Structure formats: C-alpha cells, structure tokens
Amino acid sequence: MTLLAAQSIVVAMDSLEQAGKDLERLEQQLKALLEQCRKLREENQSLQNRQESLVAERASLVSKNEEARSKVEAMINRLKALEQS
C-alpha cells in the first residue's frame, strides 16, 4: 500500500468517525427536543384543564351574582311597596 493510499484510508476513517460523533450528537439533541415537546404537551394540557375549570367557575359565579342581584332587587321592590302602603 502506498503512502497516499494509507493517508486516504486514515482521512476516510477520521471522516467516518466524525460522522458517527455528529450522528450521536444529533441523536442526543433529538431526544432532548422530543422530551421538551412531551413536557410542553403535558403543560399545555394542564393549562387547558385549568382554563376550563376557571371558565366553569366564572360561569357559576356570574350565575350566583345574577341570582343575588335578583333577590336584592326583589327586596328593594318589597320595601318600596311597604313604604307606599
């Protein structure tokens, strides 16, 4: 084997070794990205659940507020009617 052929083989091996390292690094980055996506999906689902809960709670409070308002108005009307009697 000539010196040039041996150098070519070494360069090719170095290139393959570097490609392997690059692939490993890319694989690790991809795993980290997938894990981050999973965490974000979980967080998003949790936030959506919380939002639904808060919307339902708000609707309940609005309903109770309206009911209380109606009762207060009815009391005021009764008081006015008693004053006029």
N, C-alpha and C. Protein backbone atom coordinates (compact mmCIF):
# COMPACT_ATOMS: atom_id res chain seq x y z
N MET A 1 0.85 -1.16 0.00
CA MET A 1 0.00 0.00 0.00
C MET A 1 0.90 1.23 0.00
N THR A 2 0.51 2.17 -0.81
CA THR A 2 1.32 3.38 -0.90
C THR A 2 0.98 4.32 0.23
N LEU A 3 1.83 5.27 0.44
CA LEU A 3 1.62 6.27 1.49
C LEU A 3 0.36 7.07 1.22
N LEU A 4 0.12 7.39 -0.03
CA LEU A 4 -1.07 8.16 -0.41
C LEU A 4 -2.34 7.37 -0.12
N ALA A 5 -2.32 6.08 -0.42
CA ALA A 5 -3.48 5.23 -0.15
C ALA A 5 -3.71 5.12 1.35
N ALA A 6 -2.66 4.98 2.13
CA ALA A 6 -2.78 4.89 3.58
C ALA A 6 -3.34 6.18 4.15
N GLN A 7 -2.87 7.32 3.64
CA GLN A 7 -3.38 8.61 4.10
C GLN A 7 -4.87 8.75 3.74
N SER A 8 -5.24 8.29 2.59
CA SER A 8 -6.64 8.36 2.15
C SER A 8 -7.52 7.53 3.08
N ILE A 9 -7.03 6.36 3.47
CA ILE A 9 -7.78 5.49 4.37
C ILE A 9 -7.93 6.15 5.74
N VAL A 10 -6.86 6.76 6.24
CA VAL A 10 -6.91 7.44 7.54
C VAL A 10 -7.89 8.61 7.48
N VAL A 11 -7.84 9.37 6.41
CA VAL A 11 -8.76 10.50 6.26
C VAL A 11 -10.20 9.99 6.20
N ALA A 12 -10.42 8.92 5.46
CA ALA A 12 -11.77 8.34 5.36
C ALA A 12 -12.24 7.84 6.72
N MET A 13 -11.35 7.20 7.48
CA MET A 13 -11.72 6.70 8.81
C MET A 13 -12.02 7.85 9.75
N ASP A 14 -11.22 8.90 9.68
CA ASP A 14 -11.46 10.08 10.51
C ASP A 14 -12.81 10.71 10.14
N SER A 15 -13.08 10.73 8.87
CA SER A 15 -14.35 11.30 8.39
C SER A 15 -15.53 10.46 8.88
N LEU A 16 -15.40 9.14 8.83
CA LEU A 16 -16.46 8.26 9.33
C LEU A 16 -16.62 8.41 10.83
N GLU A 17 -15.50 8.54 11.53
CA GLU A 17 -15.54 8.71 12.98
C GLU A 17 -16.24 10.02 13.33
N GLN A 18 -15.93 11.07 12.60
CA GLN A 18 -16.55 12.37 12.85
C GLN A 18 -18.05 12.31 12.52
N ALA A 19 -18.40 11.62 11.45
CA ALA A 19 -19.81 11.48 11.09
C ALA A 19 -20.56 10.72 12.18
N GLY A 20 -19.92 9.70 12.73
CA GLY A 20 -20.53 8.95 13.83
C GLY A 20 -20.76 9.83 15.05
N LYS A 21 -19.76 10.65 15.38
CA LYS A 21 -19.91 11.57 16.51
C LYS A 21 -21.01 12.59 16.24
N ASP A 22 -21.05 13.07 15.01
CA ASP A 22 -22.10 14.04 14.64
C ASP A 22 -23.48 13.40 14.77
N LEU A 23 -23.59 12.16 14.34
CA LEU A 23 -24.87 11.46 14.45
C LEU A 23 -25.27 11.25 15.90
N GLU A 24 -24.31 10.90 16.73
CA GLU A 24 -24.60 10.72 18.16
C GLU A 24 -25.07 12.03 18.79
N ARG A 25 -24.37 13.12 18.45
CA ARG A 25 -24.75 14.43 18.98
C ARG A 25 -26.15 14.81 18.49
N LEU A 26 -26.43 14.56 17.23
CA LEU A 26 -27.75 14.85 16.67
C LEU A 26 -28.83 14.00 17.34
N GLU A 27 -28.51 12.74 17.62
CA GLU A 27 -29.45 11.85 18.30
C GLU A 27 -29.77 12.38 19.70
N GLN A 28 -28.75 12.83 20.42
CA GLN A 28 -28.96 13.39 21.76
C GLN A 28 -29.81 14.66 21.70
N GLN A 29 -29.54 15.50 20.72
CA GLN A 29 -30.32 16.73 20.57
C GLN A 29 -31.77 16.40 20.24
N LEU A 30 -31.98 15.40 19.40
CA LEU A 30 -33.33 14.99 19.03
C LEU A 30 -34.07 14.43 20.23
N LYS A 31 -33.39 13.62 21.04
CA LYS A 31 -34.01 13.08 22.26
C LYS A 31 -34.41 14.21 23.20
N ALA A 32 -33.52 15.19 23.36
CA ALA A 32 -33.82 16.34 24.23
C ALA A 32 -35.01 17.13 23.69
N LEU A 33 -35.06 17.30 22.40
CA LEU A 33 -36.16 18.02 21.77
C LEU A 33 -37.48 17.28 21.95
N LEU A 34 -37.46 15.97 21.77
CA LEU A 34 -38.66 15.17 21.96
C LEU A 34 -39.14 15.22 23.41
N GLU A 35 -38.22 15.20 24.35
CA GLU A 35 -38.57 15.29 25.77
C GLU A 35 -39.18 16.65 26.08
N GLN A 36 -38.60 17.70 25.50
CA GLN A 36 -39.14 19.05 25.69
C GLN A 36 -40.55 19.14 25.10
N CYS A 37 -40.76 18.55 23.95
CA CYS A 37 -42.09 18.54 23.32
C CYS A 37 -43.09 17.81 24.22
N ARG A 38 -42.69 16.69 24.80
CA ARG A 38 -43.57 15.94 25.69
C ARG A 38 -43.95 16.78 26.90
N LYS A 39 -42.96 17.44 27.49
CA LYS A 39 -43.23 18.28 28.66
C LYS A 39 -44.17 19.43 28.30
N LEU A 40 -43.94 20.03 27.15
CA LEU A 40 -44.80 21.14 26.72
C LEU A 40 -46.22 20.68 26.45
N ARG A 41 -46.37 19.47 25.89
CA ARG A 41 -47.72 18.93 25.67
C ARG A 41 -48.44 18.73 27.00
N GLU A 42 -47.71 18.17 27.97
CA GLU A 42 -48.30 17.96 29.30
C GLU A 42 -48.69 19.29 29.95
N GLU A 43 -47.78 20.25 29.86
CA GLU A 43 -48.06 21.57 30.44
C GLU A 43 -49.26 22.22 29.75
N ASN A 44 -49.31 22.11 28.44
CA ASN A 44 -50.41 22.68 27.67
C ASN A 44 -51.74 22.04 28.08
N GLN A 45 -51.74 20.72 28.23
CA GLN A 45 -52.96 20.02 28.64
C GLN A 45 -53.38 20.47 30.04
N SER A 46 -52.42 20.61 30.92
CA SER A 46 -52.71 21.06 32.28
C SER A 46 -53.30 22.48 32.26
N LEU A 47 -52.73 23.34 31.45
CA LEU A 47 -53.24 24.71 31.35
C LEU A 47 -54.63 24.75 30.74
N GLN A 48 -54.88 23.92 29.75
CA GLN A 48 -56.21 23.86 29.15
C GLN A 48 -57.24 23.38 30.17
N ASN A 49 -56.87 22.37 30.95
CA ASN A 49 -57.77 21.87 32.00
C ASN A 49 -58.06 22.96 33.03
N ARG A 50 -57.02 23.68 33.41
CA ARG A 50 -57.18 24.76 34.39
C ARG A 50 -58.08 25.86 33.82
N GLN A 51 -57.88 26.19 32.56
CA GLN A 51 -58.71 27.22 31.92
C GLN A 51 -60.17 26.80 31.90
N GLU A 52 -60.43 25.54 31.54
CA GLU A 52 -61.80 25.04 31.53
C GLU A 52 -62.42 25.13 32.92
N SER A 53 -61.64 24.78 33.93
CA SER A 53 -62.12 24.85 35.30
C SER A 53 -62.44 26.29 35.69
N LEU A 54 -61.57 27.21 35.33
CA LEU A 54 -61.79 28.62 35.67
C LEU A 54 -62.98 29.20 34.92
N VAL A 55 -63.16 28.81 33.68
CA VAL A 55 -64.32 29.27 32.91
C VAL A 55 -65.61 28.77 33.55
N ALA A 56 -65.61 27.51 33.96
CA ALA A 56 -66.80 26.95 34.62
C ALA A 56 -67.05 27.65 35.95
N GLU A 57 -65.99 27.90 36.70
CA GLU A 57 -66.13 28.59 37.98
C GLU A 57 -66.67 30.00 37.77
N ARG A 58 -66.17 30.69 36.76
CA ARG A 58 -66.64 32.04 36.45
C ARG A 58 -68.12 32.02 36.09
N ALA A 59 -68.53 31.08 35.27
CA ALA A 59 -69.93 30.98 34.89
C ALA A 59 -70.81 30.76 36.12
N SER A 60 -70.35 29.92 37.02
CA SER A 60 -71.09 29.68 38.26
C SER A 60 -71.20 30.95 39.09
N LEU A 61 -70.10 31.68 39.20
CA LEU A 61 -70.10 32.92 39.98
C LEU A 61 -70.99 33.99 39.34
N VAL A 62 -70.97 34.07 38.03
CA VAL A 62 -71.84 35.03 37.33
C VAL A 62 -73.30 34.67 37.60
N SER A 63 -73.62 33.38 37.55
CA SER A 63 -74.98 32.93 37.81
C SER A 63 -75.40 33.28 39.24
N LYS A 64 -74.53 32.99 40.20
CA LYS A 64 -74.84 33.31 41.60
C LYS A 64 -74.99 34.81 41.80
N ASN A 65 -74.17 35.58 41.12
CA ASN A 65 -74.25 37.04 41.21
C ASN A 65 -75.59 37.54 40.68
N GLU A 66 -76.01 36.99 39.57
CA GLU A 66 -77.31 37.38 38.99
C GLU A 66 -78.46 37.00 39.93
N GLU A 67 -78.36 35.82 40.52
CA GLU A 67 -79.38 35.37 41.46
C GLU A 67 -79.44 36.31 42.67
N ALA A 68 -78.27 36.68 43.19
CA ALA A 68 -78.22 37.60 44.33
C ALA A 68 -78.78 38.97 43.94
N ARG A 69 -78.45 39.43 42.76
CA ARG A 69 -78.96 40.71 42.28
C ARG A 69 -80.48 40.69 42.20
N SER A 70 -81.03 39.61 41.68
CA SER A 70 -82.49 39.48 41.56
C SER A 70 -83.14 39.51 42.94
N LYS A 71 -82.54 38.81 43.89
CA LYS A 71 -83.10 38.78 45.24
C LYS A 71 -83.05 40.17 45.88
N VAL A 72 -81.94 40.87 45.70
CA VAL A 72 -81.81 42.21 46.27
C VAL A 72 -82.83 43.15 45.62
N GLU A 73 -82.99 43.06 44.32
CA GLU A 73 -83.98 43.89 43.63
C GLU A 73 -85.39 43.58 44.12
N ALA A 74 -85.67 42.31 44.33
CA ALA A 74 -86.99 41.92 44.83
C ALA A 74 -87.21 42.49 46.23
N MET A 75 -86.18 42.45 47.08
CA MET A 75 -86.30 43.02 48.43
C MET A 75 -86.52 44.53 48.36
N ILE A 76 -85.79 45.19 47.50
CA ILE A 76 -85.95 46.64 47.35
C ILE A 76 -87.37 46.96 46.90
N ASN A 77 -87.88 46.20 45.94
CA ASN A 77 -89.25 46.44 45.46
C ASN A 77 -90.27 46.20 46.58
N ARG A 78 -90.05 45.16 47.39
CA ARG A 78 -90.97 44.90 48.53
C ARG A 78 -90.91 46.05 49.55
N LEU A 79 -89.67 46.52 49.80
CA LEU A 79 -89.53 47.64 50.74
C LEU A 79 -90.23 48.89 50.21
N LYS A 80 -90.07 49.17 48.93
CA LYS A 80 -90.74 50.32 48.33
C LYS A 80 -92.26 50.16 48.43
N ALA A 81 -92.72 48.95 48.21
CA ALA A 81 -94.17 48.70 48.28
C ALA A 81 -94.67 48.89 49.71
N LEU A 82 -93.86 48.47 50.70
CA LEU A 82 -94.25 48.67 52.11
C LEU A 82 -94.26 50.17 52.47
N GLU A 83 -93.32 50.93 51.95
CA GLU A 83 -93.28 52.36 52.21
C GLU A 83 -94.51 53.05 51.65
N GLN A 84 -94.97 52.58 50.51
CA GLN A 84 -96.11 53.22 49.86
C GLN A 84 -97.44 52.80 50.50
N SER A 85 -97.42 51.76 51.28
CA SER A 85 -98.66 51.29 51.90
C SER A 85 -99.06 52.13 53.10
